[in-house]
Amino acid sequence: MSEFLHDDATAERAREVMRKLIESRDEIASSQEGIAFEAAHKAVAPHAWSWWMLITDSARIVLDEAERGYGFVVAPVMRNLMNHTVALKWLVDGGDSALKAVDAYSDGELLKLIENAQRVKWQADGPVEQMLRQAIAARDANPDPDVTKLTNEIKNAETLMVAYGIPEGYVPYRHLSAYTHTSRETAQLYLAPDGQGGWALRATPRGSGLNDVLWASVCLIQAGRVIDGILTGQPLAQALDEATAHLGLPENILPRRREKRRRK
């Protein structure tokens, strides 16, 4: 039986799994007339579909660039992939309240963007700003506790991962932040120690190791399980079962909302 280890053999199986799951996704996406969702998830289905498509296309980029030696260059894509994978499960679990939370978070961010534009004297859309302020005021006047909780989760990756019982997932996510911002890591990405206390220039970035394909393959399986659970007929089930076994992962690796402990 395969074991999921941090080694070259597991990384090669991860690449195989990613190629197969991306191929399965492309087959489903190319036959949209046959796509149908379970009635219980009708409200969130279109948005879940969009996030799943983004996740799989992001994984495609991670796989291609990692194989070319540019894993760290696409680290921001990997970071986004990890966040959206947990968020996809959060969205399906939260249903209509999660959709409202996405709107609430997005309204706030869009209003900040408009205010940023106004500060630099750019012309901003007055009707849009008015609509946003009215929507935010309406929520503040009659807050929904469930929506408020979910909004606080979706706007912060660490809060989201902790809520879903995977605080350890924030560690690699946080590490990838160094390759998203103007940091020492990116300032040294195309350099190598010259052995004399200085730097030698590199024409390509240093290698990113095995983590990118290992994490991306797990994310693809997790996201696939979520979307397959709301698609009628579960068209991805066999491919996901085979991928899970091939990688040596537990059958159920989906993040799950942490249960609150009851006070004695």
C-alpha atoms as a PDB file:
ATOM      1  CA  MET A   1       0.000   0.000   0.000  1.00  0.00           C
ATOM      2  CA  SER A   2       1.251   3.498  -0.847  1.00  0.00           C
ATOM      3  CA  GLU A   3       2.362   5.800   1.933  1.00  0.00           C
ATOM      4  CA  PHE A   4       2.005   9.556   1.867  1.00  0.00           C
ATOM      5  CA  LEU A   5       5.548  10.670   2.668  1.00  0.00           C
ATOM      6  CA  HIS A   6       7.691  13.701   1.972  1.00  0.00           C
ATOM      7  CA  ASP A   7       9.757  11.970  -0.687  1.00  0.00           C
ATOM      8  CA  ASP A   8      10.250  11.872  -4.450  1.00  0.00           C
ATOM      9  CA  ALA A   9       8.093   8.786  -4.922  1.00  0.00           C
ATOM     10  CA  THR A  10       5.096  10.408  -3.237  1.00  0.00           C
ATOM     11  CA  ALA A  11       5.691  13.628  -5.181  1.00  0.00           C
ATOM     12  CA  GLU A  12       5.616  11.708  -8.453  1.00  0.00           C
ATOM     13  CA  ARG A  13       2.360  10.023  -7.452  1.00  0.00           C
ATOM     14  CA  ALA A  14       1.035  13.463  -6.497  1.00  0.00           C
ATOM     15  CA  ARG A  15       1.808  14.736  -9.998  1.00  0.00           C
ATOM     16  CA  GLU A  16       0.003  11.753 -11.502  1.00  0.00           C
ATOM     17  CA  VAL A  17      -3.016  12.409  -9.265  1.00  0.00           C
ATOM     18  CA  MET A  18      -3.089  16.075 -10.177  1.00  0.00           C
ATOM     19  CA  ARG A  19      -2.979  15.367 -13.904  1.00  0.00           C
ATOM     20  CA  LYS A  20      -5.797  12.830 -13.595  1.00  0.00           C
ATOM     21  CA  LEU A  21      -8.058  15.046 -11.484  1.00  0.00           C
ATOM     22  CA  ILE A  22      -7.474  18.067 -13.707  1.00  0.00           C
ATOM     23  CA  GLU A  23      -8.346  15.911 -16.709  1.00  0.00           C
ATOM     24  CA  SER A  24     -11.538  14.750 -14.973  1.00  0.00           C
ATOM     25  CA  ARG A  25     -12.429  18.356 -14.199  1.00  0.00           C
ATOM     26  CA  ASP A  26     -11.926  19.354 -17.825  1.00  0.00           C
ATOM     27  CA  GLU A  27     -14.194  16.525 -18.973  1.00  0.00           C
ATOM     28  CA  ILE A  28     -16.974  17.675 -16.638  1.00  0.00           C
ATOM     29  CA  ALA A  29     -16.549  21.341 -17.516  1.00  0.00           C
ATOM     30  CA  SER A  30     -16.731  20.591 -21.244  1.00  0.00           C
ATOM     31  CA  SER A  31     -20.137  18.904 -20.918  1.00  0.00           C
ATOM     32  CA  GLN A  32     -22.052  21.551 -19.020  1.00  0.00           C
ATOM     33  CA  GLU A  33     -25.454  20.403 -20.309  1.00  0.00           C
ATOM     34  CA  GLY A  34     -25.150  17.305 -18.161  1.00  0.00           C
ATOM     35  CA  ILE A  35     -24.215  19.143 -14.977  1.00  0.00           C
ATOM     36  CA  ALA A  36     -26.817  19.184 -12.224  1.00  0.00           C
ATOM     37  CA  PHE A  37     -26.616  19.872  -8.507  1.00  0.00           C
ATOM     38  CA  GLU A  38     -28.368  18.358  -5.529  1.00  0.00           C
ATOM     39  CA  ALA A  39     -31.454  20.379  -4.603  1.00  0.00           C
ATOM     40  CA  ALA A  40     -30.255  20.916  -1.029  1.00  0.00           C
ATOM     41  CA  HIS A  41     -27.268  22.888  -2.323  1.00  0.00           C
ATOM     42  CA  LYS A  42     -28.974  24.817  -5.089  1.00  0.00           C
ATOM     43  CA  ALA A  43     -28.280  28.226  -3.501  1.00  0.00           C
ATOM     44  CA  VAL A  44     -24.520  27.820  -3.203  1.00  0.00           C
ATOM     45  CA  ALA A  45     -23.926  25.516  -6.184  1.00  0.00           C
ATOM     46  CA  PRO A  46     -22.972  28.169  -8.791  1.00  0.00           C
ATOM     47  CA  HIS A  47     -20.538  29.866  -6.423  1.00  0.00           C
ATOM     48  CA  ALA A  48     -19.085  26.533  -5.281  1.00  0.00           C
ATOM     49  CA  TRP A  49     -18.615  25.617  -8.933  1.00  0.00           C
ATOM     50  CA  SER A  50     -16.698  28.843  -9.560  1.00  0.00           C
ATOM     51  CA  TRP A  51     -14.388  28.301  -6.589  1.00  0.00           C
ATOM     52  CA  TRP A  52     -13.781  24.681  -7.606  1.00  0.00           C
ATOM     53  CA  MET A  53     -12.898  25.761 -11.139  1.00  0.00           C
ATOM     54  CA  LEU A  54     -10.497  28.366  -9.721  1.00  0.00           C
ATOM     55  CA  ILE A  55      -8.926  25.771  -7.427  1.00  0.00           C
ATOM     56  CA  THR A  56      -8.334  23.294 -10.237  1.00  0.00           C
ATOM     57  CA  ASP A  57      -6.977  25.913 -12.632  1.00  0.00           C
ATOM     58  CA  SER A  58      -4.689  27.163  -9.866  1.00  0.00           C
ATOM     59  CA  ALA A  59      -3.466  23.603  -9.299  1.00  0.00           C
ATOM     60  CA  ARG A  60      -2.777  23.318 -13.028  1.00  0.00           C
ATOM     61  CA  ILE A  61      -0.519  26.383 -12.835  1.00  0.00           C
ATOM     62  CA  VAL A  62       1.248  25.113  -9.709  1.00  0.00           C
ATOM     63  CA  LEU A  63       1.901  21.734 -11.351  1.00  0.00           C
ATOM     64  CA  ASP A  64       3.161  23.174 -14.638  1.00  0.00           C
ATOM     65  CA  GLU A  65       5.412  25.788 -13.064  1.00  0.00           C
ATOM     66  CA  ALA A  66       6.749  23.484 -10.343  1.00  0.00           C
ATOM     67  CA  GLU A  67       7.787  20.998 -13.010  1.00  0.00           C
ATOM     68  CA  ARG A  68       9.592  23.828 -14.846  1.00  0.00           C
ATOM     69  CA  GLY A  69      11.400  24.876 -11.668  1.00  0.00           C
ATOM     70  CA  TYR A  70       9.312  27.949 -10.892  1.00  0.00           C
ATOM     71  CA  GLY A  71       7.446  26.721  -7.817  1.00  0.00           C
ATOM     72  CA  PHE A  72       8.300  29.697  -5.627  1.00  0.00           C
ATOM     73  CA  VAL A  73       7.385  32.155  -8.382  1.00  0.00           C
ATOM     74  CA  VAL A  74       3.793  30.885  -8.300  1.00  0.00           C
ATOM     75  CA  ALA A  75       3.721  30.630  -4.499  1.00  0.00           C
ATOM     76  CA  PRO A  76       0.944  33.281  -4.364  1.00  0.00           C
ATOM     77  CA  VAL A  77      -1.178  30.974  -6.536  1.00  0.00           C
ATOM     78  CA  MET A  78      -0.482  28.066  -4.191  1.00  0.00           C
ATOM     79  CA  ARG A  79      -1.432  30.209  -1.211  1.00  0.00           C
ATOM     80  CA  ASN A  80      -4.721  31.181  -2.840  1.00  0.00           C
ATOM     81  CA  LEU A  81      -5.369  27.554  -3.761  1.00  0.00           C
ATOM     82  CA  MET A  82      -5.009  26.436  -0.133  1.00  0.00           C
ATOM     83  CA  ASN A  83      -7.291  29.167   1.181  1.00  0.00           C
ATOM     84  CA  HIS A  84     -10.032  28.533  -1.377  1.00  0.00           C
ATOM     85  CA  THR A  85      -9.992  24.789  -0.700  1.00  0.00           C
ATOM     86  CA  VAL A  86     -10.995  25.291   2.933  1.00  0.00           C
ATOM     87  CA  ALA A  87     -13.370  28.097   1.935  1.00  0.00           C
ATOM     88  CA  LEU A  88     -15.149  25.783  -0.511  1.00  0.00           C
ATOM     89  CA  LYS A  89     -16.078  23.394   2.305  1.00  0.00           C
ATOM     90  CA  TRP A  90     -17.039  26.395   4.460  1.00  0.00           C
ATOM     91  CA  LEU A  91     -19.326  27.693   1.692  1.00  0.00           C
ATOM     92  CA  VAL A  92     -21.180  24.419   1.199  1.00  0.00           C
ATOM     93  CA  ASP A  93     -21.532  23.914   4.960  1.00  0.00           C
ATOM     94  CA  GLY A  94     -22.750  27.459   5.539  1.00  0.00           C
ATOM     95  CA  GLY A  95     -25.269  27.577   2.710  1.00  0.00           C
ATOM     96  CA  ASP A  96     -27.254  30.783   2.384  1.00  0.00           C
ATOM     97  CA  SER A  97     -25.609  32.337   5.457  1.00  0.00           C
ATOM     98  CA  ALA A  98     -22.184  31.760   3.908  1.00  0.00           C
ATOM     99  CA  LEU A  99     -23.294  33.467   0.700  1.00  0.00           C
ATOM    100  CA  LYS A 100     -24.441  36.456   2.723  1.00  0.00           C
ATOM    101  CA  ALA A 101     -21.106  36.461   4.527  1.00  0.00           C
ATOM    102  CA  VAL A 102     -19.224  36.514   1.221  1.00  0.00           C
ATOM    103  CA  ASP A 103     -21.350  39.477   0.152  1.00  0.00           C
ATOM    104  CA  ALA A 104     -20.770  41.263   3.455  1.00  0.00           C
ATOM    105  CA  TYR A 105     -17.004  40.784   3.273  1.00  0.00           C
ATOM    106  CA  SER A 106     -16.898  41.736  -0.417  1.00  0.00           C
ATOM    107  CA  ASP A 107     -19.003  44.865   0.122  1.00  0.00           C
ATOM    108  CA  GLY A 108     -16.614  46.041   2.806  1.00  0.00           C
ATOM    109  CA  GLU A 109     -13.554  45.406   0.644  1.00  0.00           C
ATOM    110  CA  LEU A 110     -15.094  47.126  -2.380  1.00  0.00           C
ATOM    111  CA  LEU A 111     -15.971  50.163  -0.289  1.00  0.00           C
ATOM    112  CA  LYS A 112     -12.361  50.346   0.904  1.00  0.00           C
ATOM    113  CA  LEU A 113     -11.232  50.251  -2.726  1.00  0.00           C
ATOM    114  CA  ILE A 114     -13.558  53.127  -3.614  1.00  0.00           C
ATOM    115  CA  GLU A 115     -12.266  55.132  -0.662  1.00  0.00           C
ATOM    116  CA  ASN A 116      -8.672  54.415  -1.748  1.00  0.00           C
ATOM    117  CA  ALA A 117      -9.515  55.681  -5.230  1.00  0.00           C
ATOM    118  CA  GLN A 118     -11.091  58.807  -3.827  1.00  0.00           C
ATOM    119  CA  ARG A 119      -7.995  59.584  -1.745  1.00  0.00           C
ATOM    120  CA  VAL A 120      -5.868  59.728  -4.890  1.00  0.00           C
ATOM    121  CA  LYS A 121      -8.500  61.834  -6.666  1.00  0.00           C
ATOM    122  CA  TRP A 122      -9.625  59.078  -9.021  1.00  0.00           C
ATOM    123  CA  GLN A 123     -13.202  59.202 -10.170  1.00  0.00           C
ATOM    124  CA  ALA A 124     -15.239  56.641  -8.231  1.00  0.00           C
ATOM    125  CA  ASP A 125     -18.693  55.323  -9.042  1.00  0.00           C
ATOM    126  CA  GLY A 126     -21.109  57.295  -6.862  1.00  0.00           C
ATOM    127  CA  PRO A 127     -24.148  54.982  -7.258  1.00  0.00           C
ATOM    128  CA  VAL A 128     -22.053  51.932  -6.382  1.00  0.00           C
ATOM    129  CA  GLU A 129     -20.687  53.615  -3.271  1.00  0.00           C
ATOM    130  CA  GLN A 130     -24.191  54.614  -2.200  1.00  0.00           C
ATOM    131  CA  MET A 131     -25.468  51.066  -2.747  1.00  0.00           C
ATOM    132  CA  LEU A 132     -22.598  49.621  -0.709  1.00  0.00           C
ATOM    133  CA  ARG A 133     -23.101  52.007   2.187  1.00  0.00           C
ATOM    134  CA  GLN A 134     -26.823  51.238   2.253  1.00  0.00           C
ATOM    135  CA  ALA A 135     -26.184  47.485   2.277  1.00  0.00           C
ATOM    136  CA  ILE A 136     -23.611  47.769   5.076  1.00  0.00           C
ATOM    137  CA  ALA A 137     -25.884  50.051   7.114  1.00  0.00           C
ATOM    138  CA  ALA A 138     -28.776  47.602   6.733  1.00  0.00           C
ATOM    139  CA  ARG A 139     -26.630  44.729   8.018  1.00  0.00           C
ATOM    140  CA  ASP A 140     -25.344  46.794  10.928  1.00  0.00           C
ATOM    141  CA  ALA A 141     -28.874  47.822  11.866  1.00  0.00           C
ATOM    142  CA  ASN A 142     -30.129  44.243  11.988  1.00  0.00           C
ATOM    143  CA  PRO A 143     -27.126  41.928  12.326  1.00  0.00           C
ATOM    144  CA  ASP A 144     -27.493  38.195  11.780  1.00  0.00           C
ATOM    145  CA  PRO A 145     -25.214  36.380  14.285  1.00  0.00           C
ATOM    146  CA  ASP A 146     -24.551  33.483  11.881  1.00  0.00           C
ATOM    147  CA  VAL A 147     -23.602  35.819   9.049  1.00  0.00           C
ATOM    148  CA  THR A 148     -21.412  37.894  11.353  1.00  0.00           C
ATOM    149  CA  LYS A 149     -19.547  34.786  12.535  1.00  0.00           C
ATOM    150  CA  LEU A 150     -19.056  33.515   8.993  1.00  0.00           C
ATOM    151  CA  THR A 151     -17.933  36.929   7.772  1.00  0.00           C
ATOM    152  CA  ASN A 152     -15.240  37.031  10.450  1.00  0.00           C
ATOM    153  CA  GLU A 153     -14.086  33.583   9.334  1.00  0.00           C
ATOM    154  CA  ILE A 154     -13.942  34.166   5.589  1.00  0.00           C
ATOM    155  CA  LYS A 155     -11.968  37.400   5.822  1.00  0.00           C
ATOM    156  CA  ASN A 156      -9.087  35.782   7.711  1.00  0.00           C
ATOM    157  CA  ALA A 157      -7.351  32.581   6.592  1.00  0.00           C
ATOM    158  CA  GLU A 158      -6.089  31.655  10.060  1.00  0.00           C
ATOM    159  CA  THR A 159      -9.533  32.105  11.623  1.00  0.00           C
ATOM    160  CA  LEU A 160     -11.056  29.991   8.864  1.00  0.00           C
ATOM    161  CA  MET A 161      -8.547  27.164   9.251  1.00  0.00           C
ATOM    162  CA  VAL A 162      -8.850  27.139  13.023  1.00  0.00           C
ATOM    163  CA  ALA A 163     -12.648  27.007  12.712  1.00  0.00           C
ATOM    164  CA  TYR A 164     -12.225  23.941  10.512  1.00  0.00           C
ATOM    165  CA  GLY A 165      -9.883  22.156  12.883  1.00  0.00           C
ATOM    166  CA  ILE A 166      -6.726  22.507  10.796  1.00  0.00           C
ATOM    167  CA  PRO A 167      -4.646  25.223  12.492  1.00  0.00           C
ATOM    168  CA  GLU A 168      -1.554  23.441  11.160  1.00  0.00           C
ATOM    169  CA  GLY A 169      -2.720  24.350   7.652  1.00  0.00           C
ATOM    170  CA  TYR A 170      -1.991  27.979   8.404  1.00  0.00           C
ATOM    171  CA  VAL A 171       1.723  27.266   8.843  1.00  0.00           C
ATOM    172  CA  PRO A 172       2.519  26.578   5.155  1.00  0.00           C
ATOM    173  CA  TYR A 173       0.006  29.257   4.167  1.00  0.00           C
ATOM    174  CA  ARG A 174       1.859  31.772   6.340  1.00  0.00           C
ATOM    175  CA  HIS A 175       5.208  30.601   4.989  1.00  0.00           C
ATOM    176  CA  LEU A 176       4.035  31.268   1.439  1.00  0.00           C
ATOM    177  CA  SER A 177       3.266  34.837   2.465  1.00  0.00           C
ATOM    178  CA  ALA A 178       7.000  35.493   2.290  1.00  0.00           C
ATOM    179  CA  TYR A 179       6.854  34.849  -1.452  1.00  0.00           C
ATOM    180  CA  THR A 180       3.759  37.010  -1.876  1.00  0.00           C
ATOM    181  CA  HIS A 181       5.226  40.161  -0.313  1.00  0.00           C
ATOM    182  CA  THR A 182       8.425  42.137  -0.776  1.00  0.00           C
ATOM    183  CA  SER A 183      10.472  40.060   1.645  1.00  0.00           C
ATOM    184  CA  ARG A 184      13.999  38.771   2.189  1.00  0.00           C
ATOM    185  CA  GLU A 185      12.880  35.497   0.630  1.00  0.00           C
ATOM    186  CA  THR A 186      12.028  37.084  -2.722  1.00  0.00           C
ATOM    187  CA  ALA A 187      15.082  39.353  -2.510  1.00  0.00           C
ATOM    188  CA  GLN A 188      17.274  36.224  -2.352  1.00  0.00           C
ATOM    189  CA  LEU A 189      15.211  33.990  -4.649  1.00  0.00           C
ATOM    190  CA  TYR A 190      17.526  34.435  -7.644  1.00  0.00           C
ATOM    191  CA  LEU A 191      20.744  34.397  -5.614  1.00  0.00           C
ATOM    192  CA  ALA A 192      23.015  31.690  -4.202  1.00  0.00           C
ATOM    193  CA  PRO A 193      25.810  31.975  -1.611  1.00  0.00           C
ATOM    194  CA  ASP A 194      29.149  32.350  -3.420  1.00  0.00           C
ATOM    195  CA  GLY A 195      31.119  30.697  -0.608  1.00  0.00           C
ATOM    196  CA  GLN A 196      32.951  33.919   0.182  1.00  0.00           C
ATOM    197  CA  GLY A 197      30.283  35.711   2.177  1.00  0.00           C
ATOM    198  CA  GLY A 198      28.639  37.221  -0.881  1.00  0.00           C
ATOM    199  CA  TRP A 199      26.130  36.253  -3.512  1.00  0.00           C
ATOM    200  CA  ALA A 200      26.264  34.594  -6.895  1.00  0.00           C
ATOM    201  CA  LEU A 201      23.547  35.505  -9.359  1.00  0.00           C
ATOM    202  CA  ARG A 202      21.096  32.867 -10.576  1.00  0.00           C
ATOM    203  CA  ALA A 203      19.236  32.844 -13.893  1.00  0.00           C
ATOM    204  CA  THR A 204      16.445  30.745 -12.385  1.00  0.00           C
ATOM    205  CA  PRO A 205      14.865  30.698  -8.910  1.00  0.00           C
ATOM    206  CA  ARG A 206      16.002  28.234  -6.317  1.00  0.00           C
ATOM    207  CA  GLY A 207      14.014  25.009  -6.143  1.00  0.00           C
ATOM    208  CA  SER A 208      10.812  24.879  -4.159  1.00  0.00           C
ATOM    209  CA  GLY A 209      11.192  21.242  -3.161  1.00  0.00           C
ATOM    210  CA  LEU A 210       8.283  18.815  -2.978  1.00  0.00           C
ATOM    211  CA  ASN A 211       5.783  20.755  -0.872  1.00  0.00           C
ATOM    212  CA  ASP A 212       3.974  22.471  -3.731  1.00  0.00           C
ATOM    213  CA  VAL A 213       2.850  19.327  -5.550  1.00  0.00           C
ATOM    214  CA  LEU A 214       2.176  17.440  -2.309  1.00  0.00           C
ATOM    215  CA  TRP A 215      -0.053  20.180  -0.865  1.00  0.00           C
ATOM    216  CA  ALA A 216      -1.721  20.897  -4.212  1.00  0.00           C
ATOM    217  CA  SER A 217      -2.626  17.243  -4.737  1.00  0.00           C
ATOM    218  CA  VAL A 218      -4.268  17.087  -1.304  1.00  0.00           C
ATOM    219  CA  CYS A 219      -6.176  20.301  -2.007  1.00  0.00           C
ATOM    220  CA  LEU A 220      -7.425  18.924  -5.326  1.00  0.00           C
ATOM    221  CA  ILE A 221      -8.778  15.812  -3.622  1.00  0.00           C
ATOM    222  CA  GLN A 222     -10.402  17.836  -0.840  1.00  0.00           C
ATOM    223  CA  ALA A 223     -12.014  20.301  -3.248  1.00  0.00           C
ATOM    224  CA  GLY A 224     -13.073  17.448  -5.501  1.00  0.00           C
ATOM    225  CA  ARG A 225     -14.827  15.708  -2.618  1.00  0.00           C
ATOM    226  CA  VAL A 226     -16.744  18.880  -1.787  1.00  0.00           C
ATOM    227  CA  ILE A 227     -17.964  19.582  -5.312  1.00  0.00           C
ATOM    228  CA  ASP A 228     -18.667  15.905  -5.983  1.00  0.00           C
ATOM    229  CA  GLY A 229     -20.875  15.860  -2.903  1.00  0.00           C
ATOM    230  CA  ILE A 230     -23.199  18.470  -4.376  1.00  0.00           C
ATOM    231  CA  LEU A 231     -23.166  17.210  -7.980  1.00  0.00           C
ATOM    232  CA  THR A 232     -25.889  14.723  -8.852  1.00  0.00           C
ATOM    233  CA  GLY A 233     -24.517  11.280  -9.615  1.00  0.00           C
ATOM    234  CA  GLN A 234     -21.146  12.072  -8.006  1.00  0.00           C
ATOM    235  CA  PRO A 235     -19.191  11.911 -11.293  1.00  0.00           C
ATOM    236  CA  LEU A 236     -15.823  12.384  -9.607  1.00  0.00           C
ATOM    237  CA  ALA A 237     -16.203   9.686  -6.966  1.00  0.00           C
ATOM    238  CA  GLN A 238     -14.214   6.945  -8.716  1.00  0.00           C
ATOM    239  CA  ALA A 239     -11.370   9.253  -9.751  1.00  0.00           C
ATOM    240  CA  LEU A 240     -11.172  10.652  -6.226  1.00  0.00           C
ATOM    241  CA  ASP A 241     -11.172   7.186  -4.644  1.00  0.00           C
ATOM    242  CA  GLU A 242      -8.361   6.086  -6.953  1.00  0.00           C
ATOM    243  CA  ALA A 243      -6.382   9.265  -6.296  1.00  0.00           C
ATOM    244  CA  THR A 244      -6.749   8.912  -2.527  1.00  0.00           C
ATOM    245  CA  ALA A 245      -5.583   5.300  -2.564  1.00  0.00           C
ATOM    246  CA  HIS A 246      -2.724   6.037  -4.967  1.00  0.00           C
ATOM    247  CA  LEU A 247      -1.402   8.758  -2.677  1.00  0.00           C
ATOM    248  CA  GLY A 248      -1.850   6.700   0.488  1.00  0.00           C
ATOM    249  CA  LEU A 249      -4.194   9.191   2.133  1.00  0.00           C
ATOM    250  CA  PRO A 250      -7.052   8.469   4.563  1.00  0.00           C
ATOM    251  CA  GLU A 251     -10.416   8.058   2.861  1.00  0.00           C
ATOM    252  CA  ASN A 252     -11.859  11.152   4.489  1.00  0.00           C
ATOM    253  CA  ILE A 253      -9.435  14.057   4.486  1.00  0.00           C
ATOM    254  CA  LEU A 254     -11.999  16.835   4.294  1.00  0.00           C
ATOM    255  CA  PRO A 255     -11.596  19.666   6.786  1.00  0.00           C
ATOM    256  CA  ARG A 256     -14.498  19.687   9.218  1.00  0.00           C
ATOM    257  CA  ARG A 257     -15.884  22.457  11.358  1.00  0.00           C
ATOM    258  CA  ARG A 258     -14.537  22.143  14.873  1.00  0.00           C
ATOM    259  CA  GLU A 259     -17.158  21.081  17.366  1.00  0.00           C
ATOM    260  CA  LYS A 260     -17.683  23.441  20.272  1.00  0.00           C
ATOM    261  CA  ARG A 261     -16.999  21.887  23.639  1.00  0.00           C
ATOM    262  CA  ARG A 262     -19.962  21.876  25.946  1.00  0.00           C
ATOM    263  CA  ARG A 263     -19.503  23.534  29.266  1.00  0.00           C
ATOM    264  CA  LYS A 264     -19.916  21.217  32.189  1.00  0.00           C
END
